Structures are given as C-alpha cells and as structure tokens.
Amino acid sequence: MKIGTVKEIAFRFDPKRVSVTIPVFIELEQRRKGVTREEIVDTYKQLVDKGLKAQLEMQSIVTGQLQVALDFFPDKPAKFVGIDPEYFEFPRL
C-alpha cells in the first residue's frame, strides 16, 4: 500500500568521520484532517517503540526503481543516524 512519496535522496559526506550517509526523504500522505504535530510525534514514537523500521527494497527489477519498506521488527534494536533533527527519522535495520 502506498502511503507516501520519496521527495529527495541526498549524498552527505562527513570529512571528520570520513563517512558517507545517503538519507532518503519521504513525504507521508495525511489521511486525517486536523491532526496536530504533537499527535503525529506521539504516534510515531509509539510505532518506533513497537519495532517500526525502514529499509530500501527493489520495487522493479526492470526499472531498478526502489521503494521504502516499513515493517515491524520488535526484536531488532532501533538504529538512528541523527542527520537532520528537523525531520522524523525512521530507524533502519
């Protein structure tokens, strides 16, 4: 089920750590009107606490198109990168 759209894929090089990070920015569709940011943050934290993780998966072998898959893995620890505090970050596997 589609719940959003990839808006940007960035390439960030950290010269201090000599490391590369490739954040994927997605925009989730808002299905309910009148939901406050606080409600969204609370729901997000509850889902992450229950094991919500994100990962890139192949959507089409023909086109090479990728998709962001969200699923619950409660037995795996949440790994956050913490690149940009302005955005919610889904933990990765």
PDB file of N, CA and C in Angstrom:
ATOM      1  N   MET A   1       0.845  -1.161   0.000  1.00  0.00           N
ATOM      2  CA  MET A   1       0.000   0.000   0.000  1.00  0.00           C
ATOM      3  C   MET A   1       0.901   1.237   0.000  1.00  0.00           C
ATOM      4  N   LYS A   2       0.633   2.143  -0.880  1.00  0.00           N
ATOM      5  CA  LYS A   2       1.387   3.382  -0.949  1.00  0.00           C
ATOM      6  C   LYS A   2       0.892   4.343   0.126  1.00  0.00           C
ATOM      7  N   ILE A   3       1.836   4.862   0.931  1.00  0.00           N
ATOM      8  CA  ILE A   3       1.458   5.817   1.976  1.00  0.00           C
ATOM      9  C   ILE A   3       2.224   7.125   1.871  1.00  0.00           C
ATOM     10  N   GLY A   4       3.048   7.239   0.822  1.00  0.00           N
ATOM     11  CA  GLY A   4       3.818   8.468   0.676  1.00  0.00           C
ATOM     12  C   GLY A   4       4.656   8.435  -0.582  1.00  0.00           C
ATOM     13  N   THR A   5       5.527   9.449  -0.702  1.00  0.00           N
ATOM     14  CA  THR A   5       6.357   9.629  -1.883  1.00  0.00           C
ATOM     15  C   THR A   5       7.772  10.001  -1.469  1.00  0.00           C
ATOM     16  N   VAL A   6       8.753   9.445  -2.179  1.00  0.00           N
ATOM     17  CA  VAL A   6      10.144   9.855  -1.960  1.00  0.00           C
ATOM     18  C   VAL A   6      10.314  11.238  -2.568  1.00  0.00           C
ATOM     19  N   LYS A   7      10.760  12.185  -1.759  1.00  0.00           N
ATOM     20  CA  LYS A   7      10.934  13.564  -2.214  1.00  0.00           C
ATOM     21  C   LYS A   7      12.373  13.877  -2.588  1.00  0.00           C
ATOM     22  N   GLU A   8      13.327  13.230  -1.917  1.00  0.00           N
ATOM     23  CA  GLU A   8      14.729  13.541  -2.174  1.00  0.00           C
ATOM     24  C   GLU A   8      15.608  12.404  -1.668  1.00  0.00           C
ATOM     25  N   ILE A   9      16.664  12.140  -2.409  1.00  0.00           N
ATOM     26  CA  ILE A   9      17.727  11.248  -1.956  1.00  0.00           C
ATOM     27  C   ILE A   9      18.996  12.088  -1.993  1.00  0.00           C
ATOM     28  N   ALA A  10      19.637  12.226  -0.866  1.00  0.00           N
ATOM     29  CA  ALA A  10      20.803  13.104  -0.759  1.00  0.00           C
ATOM     30  C   ALA A  10      22.069  12.278  -0.565  1.00  0.00           C
ATOM     31  N   PHE A  11      23.199  12.935  -0.732  1.00  0.00           N
ATOM     32  CA  PHE A  11      24.511  12.333  -0.514  1.00  0.00           C
ATOM     33  C   PHE A  11      25.246  13.262   0.434  1.00  0.00           C
ATOM     34  N   ARG A  12      25.568  12.759   1.615  1.00  0.00           N
ATOM     35  CA  ARG A  12      26.237  13.601   2.615  1.00  0.00           C
ATOM     36  C   ARG A  12      27.557  12.969   3.015  1.00  0.00           C
ATOM     37  N   PHE A  13      28.625  13.720   2.831  1.00  0.00           N
ATOM     38  CA  PHE A  13      29.959  13.263   3.207  1.00  0.00           C
ATOM     39  C   PHE A  13      30.390  13.985   4.472  1.00  0.00           C
ATOM     40  N   ASP A  14      30.841  13.231   5.452  1.00  0.00           N
ATOM     41  CA  ASP A  14      31.335  13.798   6.701  1.00  0.00           C
ATOM     42  C   ASP A  14      32.855  13.657   6.710  1.00  0.00           C
ATOM     43  N   PRO A  15      33.577  14.765   6.456  1.00  0.00           N
ATOM     44  CA  PRO A  15      35.040  14.677   6.376  1.00  0.00           C
ATOM     45  C   PRO A  15      35.702  14.347   7.714  1.00  0.00           C
ATOM     46  N   LYS A  16      35.036  14.699   8.822  1.00  0.00           N
ATOM     47  CA  LYS A  16      35.614  14.393  10.135  1.00  0.00           C
ATOM     48  C   LYS A  16      35.642  12.884  10.389  1.00  0.00           C
ATOM     49  N   ARG A  17      34.580  12.216  10.005  1.00  0.00           N
ATOM     50  CA  ARG A  17      34.492  10.761  10.214  1.00  0.00           C
ATOM     51  C   ARG A  17      34.917   9.980   8.980  1.00  0.00           C
ATOM     52  N   VAL A  18      35.114  10.701   7.864  1.00  0.00           N
ATOM     53  CA  VAL A  18      35.381  10.092   6.564  1.00  0.00           C
ATOM     54  C   VAL A  18      34.322   9.019   6.289  1.00  0.00           C
ATOM     55  N   SER A  19      33.069   9.474   6.319  1.00  0.00           N
ATOM     56  CA  SER A  19      31.953   8.563   6.084  1.00  0.00           C
ATOM     57  C   SER A  19      30.910   9.218   5.192  1.00  0.00           C
ATOM     58  N   VAL A  20      30.122   8.379   4.561  1.00  0.00           N
ATOM     59  CA  VAL A  20      29.063   8.833   3.664  1.00  0.00           C
ATOM     60  C   VAL A  20      27.723   8.349   4.200  1.00  0.00           C
ATOM     61  N   THR A  21      26.735   9.216   4.157  1.00  0.00           N
ATOM     62  CA  THR A  21      25.371   8.874   4.525  1.00  0.00           C
ATOM     63  C   THR A  21      24.473   9.270   3.358  1.00  0.00           C
ATOM     64  N   ILE A  22      23.506   8.436   3.064  1.00  0.00           N
ATOM     65  CA  ILE A  22      22.573   8.716   1.976  1.00  0.00           C
ATOM     66  C   ILE A  22      21.158   8.713   2.543  1.00  0.00           C
ATOM     67  N   PRO A  23      20.710   9.870   3.056  1.00  0.00           N
ATOM     68  CA  PRO A  23      19.351   9.933   3.594  1.00  0.00           C
ATOM     69  C   PRO A  23      18.308   9.956   2.480  1.00  0.00           C
ATOM     70  N   VAL A  24      17.185   9.315   2.748  1.00  0.00           N
ATOM     71  CA  VAL A  24      16.059   9.299   1.826  1.00  0.00           C
ATOM     72  C   VAL A  24      14.926  10.046   2.517  1.00  0.00           C
ATOM     73  N   PHE A  25      14.497  11.151   1.916  1.00  0.00           N
ATOM     74  CA  PHE A  25      13.436  11.973   2.496  1.00  0.00           C
ATOM     75  C   PHE A  25      12.112  11.589   1.844  1.00  0.00           C
ATOM     76  N   ILE A  26      11.141  11.230   2.689  1.00  0.00           N
ATOM     77  CA  ILE A  26       9.831  10.848   2.173  1.00  0.00           C
ATOM     78  C   ILE A  26       8.769  11.772   2.750  1.00  0.00           C
ATOM     79  N   GLU A  27       7.705  11.919   2.009  1.00  0.00           N
ATOM     80  CA  GLU A  27       6.554  12.701   2.464  1.00  0.00           C
ATOM     81  C   GLU A  27       5.389  11.733   2.601  1.00  0.00           C
ATOM     82  N   LEU A  28       4.900  11.586   3.814  1.00  0.00           N
ATOM     83  CA  LEU A  28       3.777  10.688   4.062  1.00  0.00           C
ATOM     84  C   LEU A  28       2.466  11.411   3.804  1.00  0.00           C
ATOM     85  N   GLU A  29       1.512  10.691   3.240  1.00  0.00           N
ATOM     86  CA  GLU A  29       0.192  11.261   2.983  1.00  0.00           C
ATOM     87  C   GLU A  29      -0.567  11.385   4.291  1.00  0.00           C
ATOM     88  N   GLN A  30      -1.207  12.506   4.481  1.00  0.00           N
ATOM     89  CA  GLN A  30      -2.022  12.707   5.678  1.00  0.00           C
ATOM     90  C   GLN A  30      -3.439  12.281   5.352  1.00  0.00           C
ATOM     91  N   ARG A  31      -3.892  11.257   6.030  1.00  0.00           N
ATOM     92  CA  ARG A  31      -5.219  10.696   5.743  1.00  0.00           C
ATOM     93  C   ARG A  31      -6.319  11.349   6.567  1.00  0.00           C
ATOM     94  N   ARG A  32      -5.954  11.896   7.715  1.00  0.00           N
ATOM     95  CA  ARG A  32      -6.961  12.539   8.568  1.00  0.00           C
ATOM     96  C   ARG A  32      -6.665  14.031   8.636  1.00  0.00           C
ATOM     97  N   LYS A  33      -7.670  14.822   8.508  1.00  0.00           N
ATOM     98  CA  LYS A  33      -7.518  16.276   8.606  1.00  0.00           C
ATOM     99  C   LYS A  33      -7.549  16.705  10.061  1.00  0.00           C
ATOM    100  N   GLY A  34      -6.856  17.767  10.379  1.00  0.00           N
ATOM    101  CA  GLY A  34      -6.905  18.323  11.716  1.00  0.00           C
ATOM    102  C   GLY A  34      -6.012  17.621  12.728  1.00  0.00           C
ATOM    103  N   VAL A  35      -5.081  16.793  12.267  1.00  0.00           N
ATOM    104  CA  VAL A  35      -4.170  16.109  13.184  1.00  0.00           C
ATOM    105  C   VAL A  35      -3.028  17.065  13.525  1.00  0.00           C
ATOM    106  N   THR A  36      -2.742  17.209  14.802  1.00  0.00           N
ATOM    107  CA  THR A  36      -1.680  18.131  15.225  1.00  0.00           C
ATOM    108  C   THR A  36      -0.315  17.473  15.105  1.00  0.00           C
ATOM    109  N   ARG A  37       0.714  18.293  15.063  1.00  0.00           N
ATOM    110  CA  ARG A  37       2.089  17.783  15.000  1.00  0.00           C
ATOM    111  C   ARG A  37       2.396  16.940  16.242  1.00  0.00           C
ATOM    112  N   GLU A  38       1.902  17.353  17.390  1.00  0.00           N
ATOM    113  CA  GLU A  38       2.127  16.608  18.625  1.00  0.00           C
ATOM    114  C   GLU A  38       1.532  15.202  18.536  1.00  0.00           C
ATOM    115  N   GLU A  39       0.351  15.086  17.934  1.00  0.00           N
ATOM    116  CA  GLU A  39      -0.277  13.776  17.769  1.00  0.00           C
ATOM    117  C   GLU A  39       0.547  12.896  16.826  1.00  0.00           C
ATOM    118  N   ILE A  40       1.071  13.506  15.788  1.00  0.00           N
ATOM    119  CA  ILE A  40       1.899  12.763  14.838  1.00  0.00           C
ATOM    120  C   ILE A  40       3.171  12.272  15.521  1.00  0.00           C
ATOM    121  N   VAL A  41       3.821  13.146  16.289  1.00  0.00           N
ATOM    122  CA  VAL A  41       5.048  12.778  17.006  1.00  0.00           C
ATOM    123  C   VAL A  41       4.769  11.649  17.987  1.00  0.00           C
ATOM    124  N   ASP A  42       3.670  11.748  18.721  1.00  0.00           N
ATOM    125  CA  ASP A  42       3.315  10.718  19.695  1.00  0.00           C
ATOM    126  C   ASP A  42       3.079   9.373  19.009  1.00  0.00           C
ATOM    127  N   THR A  43       2.335   9.384  17.920  1.00  0.00           N
ATOM    128  CA  THR A  43       2.060   8.154  17.181  1.00  0.00           C
ATOM    129  C   THR A  43       3.353   7.564  16.627  1.00  0.00           C
ATOM    130  N   TYR A  44       4.199   8.410  16.073  1.00  0.00           N
ATOM    131  CA  TYR A  44       5.485   7.977  15.530  1.00  0.00           C
ATOM    132  C   TYR A  44       6.314   7.290  16.616  1.00  0.00           C
ATOM    133  N   LYS A  45       6.417   7.898  17.785  1.00  0.00           N
ATOM    134  CA  LYS A  45       7.200   7.319  18.882  1.00  0.00           C
ATOM    135  C   LYS A  45       6.624   5.974  19.324  1.00  0.00           C
ATOM    136  N   GLN A  46       5.305   5.868  19.370  1.00  0.00           N
ATOM    137  CA  GLN A  46       4.673   4.597  19.739  1.00  0.00           C
ATOM    138  C   GLN A  46       5.009   3.500  18.729  1.00  0.00           C
ATOM    139  N   LEU A  47       4.964   3.841  17.435  1.00  0.00           N
ATOM    140  CA  LEU A  47       5.266   2.855  16.396  1.00  0.00           C
ATOM    141  C   LEU A  47       6.727   2.412  16.457  1.00  0.00           C
ATOM    142  N   VAL A  48       7.637   3.367  16.659  1.00  0.00           N
ATOM    143  CA  VAL A  48       9.059   3.029  16.772  1.00  0.00           C
ATOM    144  C   VAL A  48       9.297   2.155  18.003  1.00  0.00           C
ATOM    145  N   ASP A  49       8.629   2.467  19.106  1.00  0.00           N
ATOM    146  CA  ASP A  49       8.757   1.656  20.321  1.00  0.00           C
ATOM    147  C   ASP A  49       8.284   0.212  20.092  1.00  0.00           C
ATOM    148  N   LYS A  50       7.343   0.038  19.159  1.00  0.00           N
ATOM    149  CA  LYS A  50       6.834  -1.302  18.858  1.00  0.00           C
ATOM    150  C   LYS A  50       7.672  -2.015  17.802  1.00  0.00           C
ATOM    151  N   GLY A  51       8.731  -1.344  17.310  1.00  0.00           N
ATOM    152  CA  GLY A  51       9.653  -2.014  16.392  1.00  0.00           C
ATOM    153  C   GLY A  51       9.594  -1.583  14.949  1.00  0.00           C
ATOM    154  N   LEU A  52       8.947  -0.452  14.628  1.00  0.00           N
ATOM    155  CA  LEU A  52       8.870   0.006  13.242  1.00  0.00           C
ATOM    156  C   LEU A  52      10.260   0.345  12.717  1.00  0.00           C
ATOM    157  N   LYS A  53      10.603  -0.197  11.548  1.00  0.00           N
ATOM    158  CA  LYS A  53      11.893   0.061  10.895  1.00  0.00           C
ATOM    159  C   LYS A  53      11.630   0.338   9.411  1.00  0.00           C
ATOM    160  N   ALA A  54      12.601   0.986   8.773  1.00  0.00           N
ATOM    161  CA  ALA A  54      12.513   1.280   7.339  1.00  0.00           C
ATOM    162  C   ALA A  54      13.737   0.717   6.631  1.00  0.00           C
ATOM    163  N   GLN A  55      13.532   0.298   5.386  1.00  0.00           N
ATOM    164  CA  GLN A  55      14.658  -0.129   4.563  1.00  0.00           C
ATOM    165  C   GLN A  55      14.295   0.053   3.091  1.00  0.00           C
ATOM    166  N   LEU A  56      15.320   0.246   2.266  1.00  0.00           N
ATOM    167  CA  LEU A  56      15.099   0.334   0.831  1.00  0.00           C
ATOM    168  C   LEU A  56      14.995  -1.067   0.259  1.00  0.00           C
ATOM    169  N   GLU A  57      14.022  -1.263  -0.627  1.00  0.00           N
ATOM    170  CA  GLU A  57      13.831  -2.540  -1.297  1.00  0.00           C
ATOM    171  C   GLU A  57      13.645  -2.297  -2.788  1.00  0.00           C
ATOM    172  N   MET A  58      13.973  -3.294  -3.574  1.00  0.00           N
ATOM    173  CA  MET A  58      13.758  -3.227  -5.013  1.00  0.00           C
ATOM    174  C   MET A  58      12.266  -3.304  -5.293  1.00  0.00           C
ATOM    175  N   GLN A  59      11.748  -2.307  -6.027  1.00  0.00           N
ATOM    176  CA  GLN A  59      10.339  -2.325  -6.404  1.00  0.00           C
ATOM    177  C   GLN A  59      10.170  -2.984  -7.754  1.00  0.00           C
ATOM    178  N   SER A  60      11.126  -2.721  -8.662  1.00  0.00           N
ATOM    179  CA  SER A  60      11.035  -3.278 -10.002  1.00  0.00           C
ATOM    180  C   SER A  60      12.428  -3.661 -10.492  1.00  0.00           C
ATOM    181  N   ILE A  61      12.595  -4.900 -10.839  1.00  0.00           N
ATOM    182  CA  ILE A  61      13.875  -5.353 -11.389  1.00  0.00           C
ATOM    183  C   ILE A  61      14.090  -4.734 -12.766  1.00  0.00           C
ATOM    184  N   VAL A  62      13.015  -4.542 -13.512  1.00  0.00           N
ATOM    185  CA  VAL A  62      13.108  -3.995 -14.868  1.00  0.00           C
ATOM    186  C   VAL A  62      13.613  -2.552 -14.859  1.00  0.00           C
ATOM    187  N   THR A  63      13.034  -1.699 -13.999  1.00  0.00           N
ATOM    188  CA  THR A  63      13.403  -0.279 -13.986  1.00  0.00           C
ATOM    189  C   THR A  63      14.481   0.047 -12.956  1.00  0.00           C
ATOM    190  N   GLY A  64      14.709  -0.851 -12.012  1.00  0.00           N
ATOM    191  CA  GLY A  64      15.660  -0.566 -10.945  1.00  0.00           C
ATOM    192  C   GLY A  64      15.108   0.378  -9.897  1.00  0.00           C
ATOM    193  N   GLN A  65      13.822   0.623  -9.954  1.00  0.00           N
ATOM    194  CA  GLN A  65      13.187   1.546  -9.009  1.00  0.00           C
ATOM    195  C   GLN A  65      13.142   0.929  -7.614  1.00  0.00           C
ATOM    196  N   LEU A  66      13.427   1.764  -6.619  1.00  0.00           N
ATOM    197  CA  LEU A  66      13.416   1.320  -5.232  1.00  0.00           C
ATOM    198  C   LEU A  66      12.195   1.867  -4.512  1.00  0.00           C
ATOM    199  N   GLN A  67      11.869   1.242  -3.393  1.00  0.00           N
ATOM    200  CA  GLN A  67      10.800   1.746  -2.534  1.00  0.00           C
ATOM    201  C   GLN A  67      11.270   1.678  -1.092  1.00  0.00           C
ATOM    202  N   VAL A  68      10.693   2.518  -0.258  1.00  0.00           N
ATOM    203  CA  VAL A  68      10.969   2.473   1.173  1.00  0.00           C
ATOM    204  C   VAL A  68       9.929   1.555   1.788  1.00  0.00           C
ATOM    205  N   ALA A  69      10.400   0.464   2.375  1.00  0.00           N
ATOM    206  CA  ALA A  69       9.506  -0.502   3.010  1.00  0.00           C
ATOM    207  C   ALA A  69       9.514  -0.262   4.511  1.00  0.00           C
ATOM    208  N   LEU A  70       8.336  -0.193   5.090  1.00  0.00           N
ATOM    209  CA  LEU A  70       8.187  -0.044   6.538  1.00  0.00           C
ATOM    210  C   LEU A  70       7.617  -1.347   7.076  1.00  0.00           C
ATOM    211  N   ASP A  71       8.228  -1.854   8.144  1.00  0.00           N
ATOM    212  CA  ASP A  71       7.745  -3.087   8.753  1.00  0.00           C
ATOM    213  C   ASP A  71       8.156  -3.100  10.220  1.00  0.00           C
ATOM    214  N   PHE A  72       7.576  -4.004  10.964  1.00  0.00           N
ATOM    215  CA  PHE A  72       7.872  -4.105  12.387  1.00  0.00           C
ATOM    216  C   PHE A  72       8.864  -5.229  12.644  1.00  0.00           C
ATOM    217  N   PHE A  73       9.947  -4.891  13.344  1.00  0.00           N
ATOM    218  CA  PHE A  73      10.964  -5.828  13.778  1.00  0.00           C
ATOM    219  C   PHE A  73      11.238  -5.551  15.256  1.00  0.00           C
ATOM    220  N   PRO A  74      10.348  -5.992  16.140  1.00  0.00           N
ATOM    221  CA  PRO A  74      10.469  -5.644  17.554  1.00  0.00           C
ATOM    222  C   PRO A  74      11.706  -6.229  18.232  1.00  0.00           C
ATOM    223  N   ASP A  75      12.282  -7.287  17.659  1.00  0.00           N
ATOM    224  CA  ASP A  75      13.443  -7.922  18.286  1.00  0.00           C
ATOM    225  C   ASP A  75      14.770  -7.289  17.873  1.00  0.00           C
ATOM    226  N   LYS A  76      14.730  -6.356  16.937  1.00  0.00           N
ATOM    227  CA  LYS A  76      15.966  -5.709  16.482  1.00  0.00           C
ATOM    228  C   LYS A  76      16.021  -4.290  17.035  1.00  0.00           C
ATOM    229  N   PRO A  77      17.198  -3.863  17.512  1.00  0.00           N
ATOM    230  CA  PRO A  77      17.303  -2.516  18.083  1.00  0.00           C
ATOM    231  C   PRO A  77      17.140  -1.428  17.017  1.00  0.00           C
ATOM    232  N   ALA A  78      16.614  -0.297  17.417  1.00  0.00           N
ATOM    233  CA  ALA A  78      16.449   0.837  16.508  1.00  0.00           C
ATOM    234  C   ALA A  78      17.804   1.508  16.299  1.00  0.00           C
ATOM    235  N   LYS A  79      18.170   1.718  15.023  1.00  0.00           N
ATOM    236  CA  LYS A  79      19.430   2.385  14.687  1.00  0.00           C
ATOM    237  C   LYS A  79      19.103   3.730  14.042  1.00  0.00           C
ATOM    238  N   PHE A  80      19.470   4.794  14.728  1.00  0.00           N
ATOM    239  CA  PHE A  80      19.224   6.138  14.214  1.00  0.00           C
ATOM    240  C   PHE A  80      20.543   6.756  13.781  1.00  0.00           C
ATOM    241  N   VAL A  81      20.501   7.545  12.717  1.00  0.00           N
ATOM    242  CA  VAL A  81      21.684   8.241  12.235  1.00  0.00           C
ATOM    243  C   VAL A  81      21.734   9.652  12.811  1.00  0.00           C
ATOM    244  N   GLY A  82      20.579  10.306  12.909  1.00  0.00           N
ATOM    245  CA  GLY A  82      20.514  11.632  13.504  1.00  0.00           C
ATOM    246  C   GLY A  82      21.108  12.738  12.656  1.00  0.00           C
ATOM    247  N   ILE A  83      20.907  12.677  11.352  1.00  0.00           N
ATOM    248  CA  ILE A  83      21.488  13.677  10.448  1.00  0.00           C
ATOM    249  C   ILE A  83      20.809  15.028  10.571  1.00  0.00           C
ATOM    250  N   ASP A  84      19.491  15.034  10.527  1.00  0.00           N
ATOM    251  CA  ASP A  84      18.765  16.294  10.473  1.00  0.00           C
ATOM    252  C   ASP A  84      17.605  16.269  11.465  1.00  0.00           C
ATOM    253  N   PRO A  85      17.730  16.948  12.601  1.00  0.00           N
ATOM    254  CA  PRO A  85      16.681  16.897  13.622  1.00  0.00           C
ATOM    255  C   PRO A  85      15.363  17.550  13.200  1.00  0.00           C
ATOM    256  N   GLU A  86      15.358  18.245  12.072  1.00  0.00           N
ATOM    257  CA  GLU A  86      14.130  18.880  11.583  1.00  0.00           C
ATOM    258  C   GLU A  86      13.125  17.827  11.091  1.00  0.00           C
ATOM    259  N   TYR A  87      13.624  16.647  10.719  1.00  0.00           N
ATOM    260  CA  TYR A  87      12.774  15.611  10.148  1.00  0.00           C
ATOM    261  C   TYR A  87      12.651  14.426  11.100  1.00  0.00           C
ATOM    262  N   PHE A  88      11.512  13.718  11.020  1.00  0.00           N
ATOM    263  CA  PHE A  88      11.372  12.456  11.723  1.00  0.00           C
ATOM    264  C   PHE A  88      12.319  11.470  11.049  1.00  0.00           C
ATOM    265  N   GLU A  89      12.899  10.611  11.830  1.00  0.00           N
ATOM    266  CA  GLU A  89      13.788   9.603  11.260  1.00  0.00           C
ATOM    267  C   GLU A  89      13.250   8.227  11.606  1.00  0.00           C
ATOM    268  N   PHE A  90      13.008   7.437  10.566  1.00  0.00           N
ATOM    269  CA  PHE A  90      12.640   6.057  10.794  1.00  0.00           C
ATOM    270  C   PHE A  90      13.911   5.273  11.045  1.00  0.00           C
ATOM    271  N   PRO A  91      13.948   4.448  12.090  1.00  0.00           N
ATOM    272  CA  PRO A  91      15.148   3.650  12.311  1.00  0.00           C
ATOM    273  C   PRO A  91      15.319   2.647  11.182  1.00  0.00           C
ATOM    274  N   ARG A  92      16.557   2.297  10.922  1.00  0.00           N
ATOM    275  CA  ARG A  92      16.843   1.336   9.848  1.00  0.00           C
ATOM    276  C   ARG A  92      17.189  -0.013  10.446  1.00  0.00           C
ATOM    277  N   LEU A  93      17.134  -1.015   9.597  1.00  0.00           N
ATOM    278  CA  LEU A  93      17.507  -2.358  10.048  1.00  0.00           C
ATOM    279  C   LEU A  93      19.000  -2.493  10.168  1.00  0.00           C
TER     280      LEU A  93
END
